[in-house]
C-alpha atoms as a PDB file:
ATOM      1  CA  MET A   1      12.090 -10.542  -4.926  1.00  0.00           C
ATOM      2  CA  GLU A   2      14.512 -10.733  -1.966  1.00  0.00           C
ATOM      3  CA  PRO A   3      13.005  -9.198   1.436  1.00  0.00           C
ATOM      4  CA  ASP A   4      15.381  -6.682   1.998  1.00  0.00           C
ATOM      5  CA  GLN A   5      15.357  -5.679  -1.909  1.00  0.00           C
ATOM      6  CA  GLU A   6      13.950  -1.960  -2.458  1.00  0.00           C
ATOM      7  CA  ARG A   7      10.599  -2.023  -4.327  1.00  0.00           C
ATOM      8  CA  GLN A   8       9.667   0.432  -7.280  1.00  0.00           C
ATOM      9  CA  ASP A   9       6.080  -0.614  -7.558  1.00  0.00           C
ATOM     10  CA  ILE A  10       3.279  -1.859  -5.413  1.00  0.00           C
ATOM     11  CA  ARG A  11       3.029  -5.857  -5.195  1.00  0.00           C
ATOM     12  CA  GLY A  12       2.834  -8.490  -2.152  1.00  0.00           C
ATOM     13  CA  GLY A  13       5.036  -7.541   0.483  1.00  0.00           C
ATOM     14  CA  ALA A  14       5.229  -3.851  -0.026  1.00  0.00           C
ATOM     15  CA  VAL A  15       4.818  -1.128   2.542  1.00  0.00           C
ATOM     16  CA  VAL A  16       2.676   1.837   0.912  1.00  0.00           C
ATOM     17  CA  LEU A  17       2.218   5.211   2.292  1.00  0.00           C
ATOM     18  CA  THR A  18      -0.958   7.101   0.605  1.00  0.00           C
ATOM     19  CA  ASP A  19      -2.413  10.418   1.370  1.00  0.00           C
ATOM     20  CA  ARG A  20      -5.178   8.335   3.160  1.00  0.00           C
ATOM     21  CA  GLY A  21      -2.622   6.305   5.381  1.00  0.00           C
ATOM     22  CA  GLY A  22      -0.230   3.455   5.482  1.00  0.00           C
ATOM     23  CA  PHE A  23      -0.696  -0.168   4.308  1.00  0.00           C
ATOM     24  CA  ILE A  24       1.205  -3.486   4.146  1.00  0.00           C
ATOM     25  CA  ILE A  25       0.268  -5.726   1.394  1.00  0.00           C
ATOM     26  CA  GLY A  26       0.422  -9.379   2.399  1.00  0.00           C
ATOM     27  CA  VAL A  27      -1.349 -10.955   5.483  1.00  0.00           C
ATOM     28  CA  PRO A  28      -4.473  -9.099   6.513  1.00  0.00           C
ATOM     29  CA  TRP A  29      -4.123  -8.172  10.158  1.00  0.00           C
ATOM     30  CA  GLY A  30      -6.296  -5.106  10.231  1.00  0.00           C
ATOM     31  CA  ILE A  31      -5.410  -1.624  11.629  1.00  0.00           C
ATOM     32  CA  PHE A  32      -2.457  -1.003  14.019  1.00  0.00           C
ATOM     33  CA  GLU A  33      -0.226   2.157  14.711  1.00  0.00           C
ATOM     34  CA  GLY A  34       2.763   2.680  13.033  1.00  0.00           C
ATOM     35  CA  PRO A  35       5.263   5.611  12.240  1.00  0.00           C
ATOM     36  CA  GLY A  36       4.643   8.363   9.598  1.00  0.00           C
ATOM     37  CA  ALA A  37       0.778   7.997   9.561  1.00  0.00           C
ATOM     38  CA  SER A  38      -1.953   8.154  11.842  1.00  0.00           C
ATOM     39  CA  GLU A  39      -3.486   4.754  10.583  1.00  0.00           C
ATOM     40  CA  TRP A  40      -1.734   1.622   9.243  1.00  0.00           C
ATOM     41  CA  ARG A  41      -3.493  -1.123   7.753  1.00  0.00           C
ATOM     42  CA  ALA A  42      -2.319  -4.851   6.893  1.00  0.00           C
ATOM     43  CA  ILE A  43      -4.363  -6.107   3.980  1.00  0.00           C
ATOM     44  CA  SER A  44      -4.413  -9.148   1.807  1.00  0.00           C
ATOM     45  CA  ALA A  45      -2.594  -8.936  -1.461  1.00  0.00           C
ATOM     46  CA  ASP A  46      -5.719 -10.157  -2.816  1.00  0.00           C
ATOM     47  CA  ALA A  47      -7.922  -7.497  -1.380  1.00  0.00           C
ATOM     48  CA  PRO A  48      -9.758  -5.352  -4.140  1.00  0.00           C
ATOM     49  CA  LEU A  49      -7.666  -2.180  -3.070  1.00  0.00           C
ATOM     50  CA  ALA A  50      -4.230  -4.087  -3.197  1.00  0.00           C
ATOM     51  CA  VAL A  51      -5.225  -5.356  -6.587  1.00  0.00           C
ATOM     52  CA  ALA A  52      -6.073  -2.001  -7.836  1.00  0.00           C
ATOM     53  CA  TRP A  53      -2.775  -0.660  -6.703  1.00  0.00           C
ATOM     54  CA  HIS A  54      -0.758  -3.286  -8.077  1.00  0.00           C
ATOM     55  CA  GLY A  55       2.094  -2.171 -10.115  1.00  0.00           C
ATOM     56  CA  HIS A  56       1.638   1.505  -9.431  1.00  0.00           C
ATOM     57  CA  ARG A  57       4.535   3.658  -8.250  1.00  0.00           C
ATOM     58  CA  PRO A  58       5.049   6.803  -5.872  1.00  0.00           C
ATOM     59  CA  GLY A  59       3.341   9.848  -7.312  1.00  0.00           C
ATOM     60  CA  ASP A  60       0.797   7.802  -9.202  1.00  0.00           C
ATOM     61  CA  THR A  61      -3.047   8.113  -8.230  1.00  0.00           C
ATOM     62  CA  VAL A  62      -5.417   5.417  -8.368  1.00  0.00           C
ATOM     63  CA  ASP A  63      -9.162   5.730  -8.560  1.00  0.00           C
ATOM     64  CA  PHE A  64     -10.930   3.134  -6.457  1.00  0.00           C
ATOM     65  CA  ARG A  65     -14.673   2.794  -5.728  1.00  0.00           C
ATOM     66  CA  GLY A  66     -15.123   6.596  -6.234  1.00  0.00           C
ATOM     67  CA  GLN A  67     -12.314   7.611  -3.951  1.00  0.00           C
ATOM     68  CA  CYS A  68      -8.545   8.889  -5.496  1.00  0.00           C
ATOM     69  CA  TRP A  69      -5.841   7.627  -3.600  1.00  0.00           C
ATOM     70  CA  ARG A  70      -2.262   9.256  -3.914  1.00  0.00           C
ATOM     71  CA  ILE A  71       0.703   7.029  -3.600  1.00  0.00           C
ATOM     72  CA  LEU A  72       3.332   8.849  -1.673  1.00  0.00           C
ATOM     73  CA  SER A  73       5.942   6.159  -1.080  1.00  0.00           C
ATOM     74  CA  VAL A  74       6.409   2.255  -1.728  1.00  0.00           C
ATOM     75  CA  THR A  75       9.283   0.281   0.097  1.00  0.00           C
END
């Protein structure tokens, strides 16, 4: 996939906004400040949460370790 091509679902390289904050799927940098969410995290594409989200789209909900995550947007 080209870096500037819009994503429809969650996979490596995606920027994901959830009802619990924003995430970048790729290199695990940890927590940082970013637009549109109070807290952003950069997590590995191999992280258990990223694996649970893989293939999901905006509007989906994902149950992970007893918590429900609502996917708001994917870019």
